[in-house]
Amino acid sequence: MLKRFQNTDGYGNIIKHEIGLLDLFRWRLRLGEYTNEKYNPWPKHIPEISSPAVANIPAQSQELIITFINHSTFLIQASGLNIITDPVFSRCAGPFGSIGPKRALPCGVELKDLPKIDYILLSHNHYDHMDIPSLRRIAQRDKPLIITGINNGFYLRNLKSISPIIELNWGGYYKAENKAVVHYLRCKHWSHRLPFDRNWALWGAFAIEFNDKKIYFAGDTAYHDHFKEAGQRFNGFDVSLLPIGAYRPRCFMRYFHNNPEEAVQAHLDLKSKLSIAMHFGTFQLTDEAYHEPLQDLKLAMTKYNIAENAFIHLAHGRSHPI
């Protein structure tokens, strides 16, 4: 019998809830309590211009530079290292990169234009975060080290002969080159990719320490006490990459995904000097309209008196020095 991972709180107690795969099907089919949930289709044409990022991205950087590529994919450059998070360059967020929700916007940086990647951070195995075609191309080109959670290497078995893979438990860490340390941390989510593998592979967030700089990458998560735990453990972060999208209907998604107001609360819990929004505006995964995440983020920032330059969003392909 397969071991199944479960969400826990900071004291090791299991976080129980009543949402399961049956609820997922009922939501998708608009049955029961989901009958009146409104689906807001995204526009067919989204007039956002991606920047020509090739000229803006150095091959290596001793400064800390973060480039938003799309969805949850960031290029993080510091101490001469190039790290990419949850790389998704395929047309669709689904099997083979060709089935499932289609991309609404092009990648801000094409894979071929990336500098040599040293490390890939994989938060969990959902298709919009673990895209095998993208991983295979990066692995064949650069042979980076892949850092992820327990059992996720199973899905990457065809890449093991190309790129080394390290699997970590919550609280585990890897000492990288140039004094960088990558920590794998607890978050509140789930995993599922094949018919019978629900919660067999671990999900998590990352904290990255670059000399005197600290970065938090949330992966995919609902709001819970893990944000405050990380903020206390690392005594705050210079920058946090936080999801703000895929949050409706709340009766279902609140167990797995932040909404924008909860992302603002996470920003405060993490004691983050700067937060950058992610996980919105690329693939329509849930019911909210295209414009809602940023609109709701602005309202939440006003509510919590957060300065405009403390929680920002970047256009696809734009870089931000830290």
Protein backbone atom coordinates (compact mmCIF):
# COMPACT_ATOMS: atom_id res chain seq x y z
CA MET A 1 0.00 0.00 0.00
CA LEU A 2 1.35 3.43 -0.96
CA LYS A 3 2.24 5.87 1.77
CA ARG A 4 0.19 9.06 1.44
CA PHE A 5 1.45 12.43 2.59
CA GLN A 6 -0.86 14.75 4.52
CA ASN A 7 -0.90 18.43 5.38
CA THR A 8 0.18 19.16 8.94
CA ASP A 9 0.41 22.20 11.16
CA GLY A 10 3.53 23.50 12.86
CA TYR A 11 3.10 20.95 15.66
CA GLY A 12 2.87 17.90 13.42
CA ASN A 13 -0.90 17.55 13.73
CA ILE A 14 -2.77 16.46 10.58
CA ILE A 15 -4.91 19.18 9.00
CA LYS A 16 -8.19 17.52 8.08
CA HIS A 17 -10.77 18.76 5.60
CA GLU A 18 -13.69 17.30 3.68
CA ILE A 19 -12.67 18.13 0.11
CA GLY A 20 -11.64 15.28 -2.19
CA LEU A 21 -11.65 14.09 -5.79
CA LEU A 22 -15.43 13.67 -5.73
CA ASP A 23 -15.77 17.38 -4.98
CA LEU A 24 -13.41 18.12 -7.86
CA PHE A 25 -15.68 16.26 -10.27
CA ARG A 26 -18.81 17.86 -8.80
CA TRP A 27 -17.29 21.32 -9.24
CA ARG A 28 -16.24 20.63 -12.82
CA LEU A 29 -19.71 19.27 -13.63
CA ARG A 30 -21.49 22.05 -11.63
CA LEU A 31 -23.33 19.65 -9.34
CA GLY A 32 -24.63 20.04 -5.78
CA GLU A 33 -23.34 23.12 -3.96
CA TYR A 34 -21.37 24.10 -7.09
CA THR A 35 -24.48 24.51 -9.25
CA ASN A 36 -24.57 28.29 -8.88
CA GLU A 37 -20.82 28.92 -9.11
CA LYS A 38 -20.10 31.26 -12.01
CA TYR A 39 -17.40 30.45 -14.54
CA ASN A 40 -15.82 33.59 -16.02
CA PRO A 41 -14.13 32.73 -19.33
CA TRP A 42 -10.99 34.66 -20.12
CA PRO A 43 -10.84 36.86 -23.24
CA LYS A 44 -9.52 35.19 -26.38
CA HIS A 45 -7.07 38.02 -26.95
CA ILE A 46 -5.13 39.49 -24.04
CA PRO A 47 -3.24 42.66 -25.05
CA GLU A 48 -0.16 42.30 -22.85
CA ILE A 49 3.26 42.83 -24.38
CA SER A 50 6.06 40.60 -23.19
CA SER A 51 9.41 42.32 -22.96
CA PRO A 52 12.37 41.18 -25.09
CA ALA A 53 14.09 39.63 -22.11
CA VAL A 54 17.19 38.32 -23.90
CA ALA A 55 18.86 41.70 -23.74
CA ASN A 56 17.92 42.13 -20.07
CA ILE A 57 19.19 38.82 -18.67
CA PRO A 58 22.91 38.39 -18.09
CA ALA A 59 24.44 34.94 -18.45
CA GLN A 60 25.43 35.15 -14.79
CA SER A 61 24.87 37.76 -12.14
CA GLN A 62 26.54 38.47 -8.83
CA GLU A 63 23.58 40.74 -8.03
CA LEU A 64 20.20 39.27 -7.16
CA ILE A 65 17.93 39.56 -10.20
CA ILE A 66 14.51 37.93 -10.52
CA THR A 67 12.83 37.54 -13.91
CA PHE A 68 9.15 36.55 -14.18
CA ILE A 69 8.72 34.18 -17.12
CA ASN A 70 5.13 33.05 -16.61
CA HIS A 71 2.75 31.41 -14.10
CA SER A 72 5.10 30.13 -11.34
CA THR A 73 8.25 30.16 -13.46
CA PHE A 74 10.94 32.58 -12.32
CA LEU A 75 14.59 32.87 -13.24
CA ILE A 76 16.55 33.72 -10.09
CA GLN A 77 20.12 34.92 -10.58
CA ALA A 78 22.60 35.59 -7.79
CA SER A 79 26.12 34.69 -6.74
CA GLY A 80 26.88 33.57 -10.28
CA LEU A 81 24.10 30.94 -10.19
CA ASN A 82 21.00 30.60 -12.39
CA ILE A 83 18.00 28.95 -10.73
CA ILE A 84 14.61 28.36 -12.36
CA THR A 85 11.39 27.54 -10.49
CA ASP A 86 8.64 25.20 -11.74
CA PRO A 87 9.55 25.70 -15.43
CA VAL A 88 6.54 25.52 -17.78
CA PHE A 89 7.16 26.50 -21.41
CA SER A 90 4.58 24.22 -23.08
CA ARG A 91 1.44 25.35 -24.86
CA CYS A 92 -0.85 23.62 -22.33
CA ALA A 93 -0.72 22.80 -18.63
CA GLY A 94 -1.41 19.09 -18.95
CA PRO A 95 -0.15 15.72 -20.18
CA PHE A 96 2.58 15.94 -22.84
CA GLY A 97 2.31 19.74 -22.72
CA SER A 98 -0.41 19.56 -25.37
CA ILE A 99 -3.55 18.63 -23.39
CA GLY A 100 -5.35 20.70 -20.77
CA PRO A 101 -5.72 24.45 -20.10
CA LYS A 102 -4.13 26.44 -22.91
CA ARG A 103 -1.68 29.25 -22.43
CA ALA A 104 -3.33 32.68 -22.55
CA LEU A 105 -0.06 34.57 -22.96
CA PRO A 106 3.29 33.64 -24.50
CA CYS A 107 6.28 33.01 -22.27
CA GLY A 108 8.07 36.19 -21.31
CA VAL A 109 11.36 34.42 -22.07
CA GLU A 110 11.63 31.52 -24.49
CA LEU A 111 13.43 28.47 -23.20
CA LYS A 112 16.08 28.76 -25.90
CA ASP A 113 16.93 32.25 -24.63
CA LEU A 114 17.56 31.22 -21.03
CA PRO A 115 21.12 31.36 -19.73
CA LYS A 116 22.64 28.06 -18.61
CA ILE A 117 20.54 26.76 -15.72
CA ASP A 118 22.38 25.43 -12.66
CA TYR A 119 19.39 24.38 -10.52
CA ILE A 120 15.72 23.58 -11.09
CA LEU A 121 13.39 23.89 -8.09
CA LEU A 122 10.23 21.77 -8.44
CA SER A 123 7.58 22.44 -5.80
CA HIS A 124 5.25 19.52 -6.63
CA ASN A 125 3.89 17.33 -9.43
CA HIS A 126 0.83 19.15 -10.77
CA TYR A 127 1.01 19.71 -14.52
CA ASP A 128 1.13 23.49 -14.29
CA HIS A 129 4.28 23.18 -12.17
CA MET A 130 5.96 19.97 -13.34
CA ASP A 131 6.05 20.13 -17.14
CA ILE A 132 8.05 17.16 -18.40
CA PRO A 133 8.71 18.48 -21.96
CA SER A 134 10.19 21.70 -20.52
CA LEU A 135 12.24 19.81 -17.94
CA ARG A 136 13.58 17.43 -20.57
CA ARG A 137 14.77 20.28 -22.81
CA ILE A 138 16.52 22.09 -19.96
CA ALA A 139 18.05 18.85 -18.68
CA GLN A 140 19.41 17.89 -22.10
CA ARG A 141 20.84 21.34 -22.68
CA ASP A 142 22.28 22.24 -19.26
CA LYS A 143 22.26 19.12 -17.04
CA PRO A 144 21.17 21.10 -13.97
CA LEU A 145 20.56 19.66 -10.52
CA ILE A 146 16.82 19.18 -9.89
CA ILE A 147 15.69 19.75 -6.28
CA THR A 148 12.20 18.60 -5.32
CA GLY A 149 10.12 16.75 -2.71
CA ILE A 150 10.03 13.07 -1.83
CA ASN A 151 8.85 10.70 -4.61
CA ASN A 152 8.70 13.38 -7.31
CA GLY A 153 11.74 11.78 -8.90
CA PHE A 154 9.45 8.93 -9.96
CA TYR A 155 7.87 11.18 -12.59
CA LEU A 156 11.30 12.34 -13.73
CA ARG A 157 12.81 8.86 -14.08
CA ASN A 158 13.60 9.38 -17.77
CA LEU A 159 15.63 12.46 -16.84
CA LYS A 160 17.76 10.79 -14.16
CA SER A 161 20.42 9.72 -16.65
CA ILE A 162 20.75 13.37 -17.75
CA SER A 163 20.26 15.51 -14.66
CA PRO A 164 20.87 14.53 -11.03
CA ILE A 165 17.79 14.71 -8.80
CA ILE A 166 17.67 15.38 -5.06
CA GLU A 167 14.46 14.65 -3.14
CA LEU A 168 13.94 16.43 0.17
CA ASN A 169 11.50 16.13 3.03
CA TRP A 170 10.01 19.20 4.70
CA GLY A 171 12.82 20.79 6.65
CA GLY A 172 15.51 19.30 4.42
CA TYR A 173 18.10 21.43 2.66
CA TYR A 174 20.86 21.32 0.07
CA LYS A 175 24.06 23.35 0.18
CA ALA A 176 24.63 24.60 -3.33
CA GLU A 177 27.58 26.36 -4.89
CA ASN A 178 28.79 29.82 -3.88
CA LYS A 179 27.39 29.56 -0.35
CA ALA A 180 23.78 29.23 -1.55
CA VAL A 181 21.48 27.00 0.55
CA VAL A 182 18.14 25.66 -0.73
CA HIS A 183 15.56 24.65 1.91
CA TYR A 184 12.40 22.62 1.22
CA LEU A 185 9.58 23.78 3.49
CA ARG A 186 6.10 22.83 4.57
CA CYS A 187 3.08 24.28 2.76
CA LYS A 188 -0.63 23.37 2.46
CA HIS A 189 -1.48 21.74 -0.84
CA TRP A 190 -1.72 18.25 -2.38
CA SER A 191 -0.30 16.16 -5.21
CA HIS A 192 -1.89 14.16 -8.01
CA ARG A 193 -0.80 13.31 -11.54
CA LEU A 194 -1.82 9.73 -12.36
CA PRO A 195 -5.07 7.85 -11.64
CA PHE A 196 -3.97 6.32 -8.31
CA ASP A 197 -1.13 8.51 -7.01
CA ARG A 198 -3.02 11.11 -4.97
CA ASN A 199 -0.70 12.54 -2.28
CA TRP A 200 1.99 9.89 -2.89
CA ALA A 201 4.58 12.57 -3.77
CA LEU A 202 5.37 15.44 -1.44
CA TRP A 203 4.56 19.09 -2.15
CA GLY A 204 6.41 22.04 -0.66
CA ALA A 205 7.79 25.57 -0.77
CA PHE A 206 11.42 26.72 -0.99
CA ALA A 207 13.61 29.14 0.90
CA ILE A 208 16.85 30.11 -0.84
CA GLU A 209 19.71 31.79 0.99
CA PHE A 210 22.24 33.69 -1.14
CA ASN A 211 24.90 35.02 1.22
CA ASP A 212 22.98 37.88 2.88
CA LYS A 213 19.83 37.58 0.72
CA LYS A 214 16.81 35.36 1.41
CA ILE A 215 14.11 34.36 -1.11
CA TYR A 216 10.85 32.52 -0.45
CA PHE A 217 9.16 30.63 -3.30
CA ALA A 218 5.71 29.48 -2.21
CA GLY A 219 5.07 26.93 -4.97
CA ASP A 220 1.33 26.28 -4.76
CA THR A 221 -0.45 26.61 -1.43
CA ALA A 222 -3.43 27.58 0.63
CA TYR A 223 -3.03 30.04 3.47
CA HIS A 224 -1.98 28.49 6.79
CA ASP A 225 0.52 28.85 9.63
CA HIS A 226 3.48 27.70 7.49
CA PHE A 227 3.98 31.28 6.30
CA LYS A 228 4.40 32.59 9.83
CA GLU A 229 6.61 29.61 10.68
CA ALA A 230 8.94 30.39 7.75
CA GLY A 231 8.99 34.10 8.55
CA GLN A 232 10.06 33.36 12.11
CA ARG A 233 12.59 30.68 11.19
CA PHE A 234 14.41 32.84 8.63
CA ASN A 235 13.74 36.15 10.37
CA GLY A 236 12.02 37.58 7.29
CA PHE A 237 12.77 37.52 3.57
CA ASP A 238 14.16 40.01 1.10
CA VAL A 239 11.67 38.83 -1.51
CA SER A 240 8.77 36.37 -1.53
CA LEU A 241 7.20 34.88 -4.66
CA LEU A 242 3.55 34.34 -3.78
CA PRO A 243 0.56 32.86 -5.67
CA ILE A 244 -2.51 35.06 -6.05
CA GLY A 245 -4.61 33.19 -8.66
CA ALA A 246 -6.76 30.05 -9.07
CA TYR A 247 -8.93 30.76 -6.01
CA ARG A 248 -12.58 30.46 -7.09
CA PRO A 249 -14.90 28.88 -6.01
CA ARG A 250 -13.67 29.55 -2.49
CA CYS A 251 -15.73 26.70 -0.99
CA PHE A 252 -13.36 24.36 -2.87
CA MET A 253 -10.16 26.28 -3.55
CA ARG A 254 -9.63 27.69 -0.05
CA TYR A 255 -8.18 24.33 0.97
CA PHE A 256 -5.46 24.44 -1.70
CA HIS A 257 -4.93 27.98 -3.03
CA ASN A 258 -4.41 31.45 -1.56
CA ASN A 259 -6.69 34.21 -2.66
CA PRO A 260 -5.10 37.67 -3.08
CA GLU A 261 -6.05 38.84 0.41
CA GLU A 262 -4.46 35.73 1.92
CA ALA A 263 -1.36 36.36 -0.20
CA VAL A 264 -1.10 39.81 1.40
CA GLN A 265 -1.44 38.19 4.83
CA ALA A 266 1.31 35.73 3.82
CA HIS A 267 3.49 38.70 2.83
CA LEU A 268 3.08 40.04 6.35
CA ASP A 269 3.61 36.65 8.02
CA LEU A 270 6.82 36.10 6.07
CA LYS A 271 8.08 39.55 7.10
CA SER A 272 8.94 40.08 3.46
CA LYS A 273 10.52 43.33 2.32
CA LEU A 274 9.11 42.73 -1.17
CA SER A 275 6.63 40.23 -2.58
CA ILE A 276 6.06 39.42 -6.25
CA ALA A 277 2.77 37.94 -7.48
CA MET A 278 2.67 34.68 -9.44
CA HIS A 279 0.29 31.85 -10.42
CA PHE A 280 -2.14 34.09 -12.31
CA GLY A 281 -2.82 35.32 -15.83
CA THR A 282 -1.26 32.41 -17.78
CA PHE A 283 -3.55 29.35 -17.61
CA GLN A 284 -7.21 29.51 -16.65
CA LEU A 285 -7.39 26.81 -14.00
CA THR A 286 -10.42 27.96 -12.01
CA ASP A 287 -13.49 30.20 -12.19
CA GLU A 288 -12.27 33.75 -11.58
CA ALA A 289 -12.06 36.24 -14.42
CA TYR A 290 -8.71 37.16 -15.95
CA HIS A 291 -8.58 40.60 -14.30
CA GLU A 292 -9.76 39.53 -10.82
CA PRO A 293 -6.48 38.45 -9.12
CA LEU A 294 -4.73 41.78 -9.65
CA GLN A 295 -7.90 43.70 -8.90
CA ASP A 296 -8.43 41.81 -5.65
CA LEU A 297 -4.74 42.14 -4.78
CA LYS A 298 -4.98 45.92 -5.04
CA LEU A 299 -8.05 45.95 -2.77
CA ALA A 300 -6.29 43.74 -0.21
CA MET A 301 -3.19 45.94 -0.21
CA THR A 302 -5.37 48.96 0.49
CA LYS A 303 -7.16 47.09 3.28
CA TYR A 304 -3.88 46.11 4.98
CA ASN A 305 -2.16 49.42 4.22
CA ILE A 306 0.56 47.79 2.09
CA ALA A 307 2.62 50.19 -0.03
CA GLU A 308 2.37 49.78 -3.82
CA ASN A 309 6.07 48.99 -4.13
CA ALA A 310 5.96 46.32 -1.37
CA PHE A 311 3.82 43.77 -3.27
CA ILE A 312 4.22 44.02 -7.03
CA HIS A 313 3.43 42.12 -10.21
CA LEU A 314 5.75 41.89 -13.20
CA ALA A 315 4.81 41.62 -16.86
CA HIS A 316 5.94 38.38 -18.45
CA GLY A 317 9.65 38.66 -19.22
CA ARG A 318 10.35 41.59 -16.91
CA SER A 319 13.26 41.51 -14.46
CA HIS A 320 13.56 43.12 -11.05
CA PRO A 321 16.82 43.68 -9.16
CA ILE A 322 16.64 43.03 -5.41
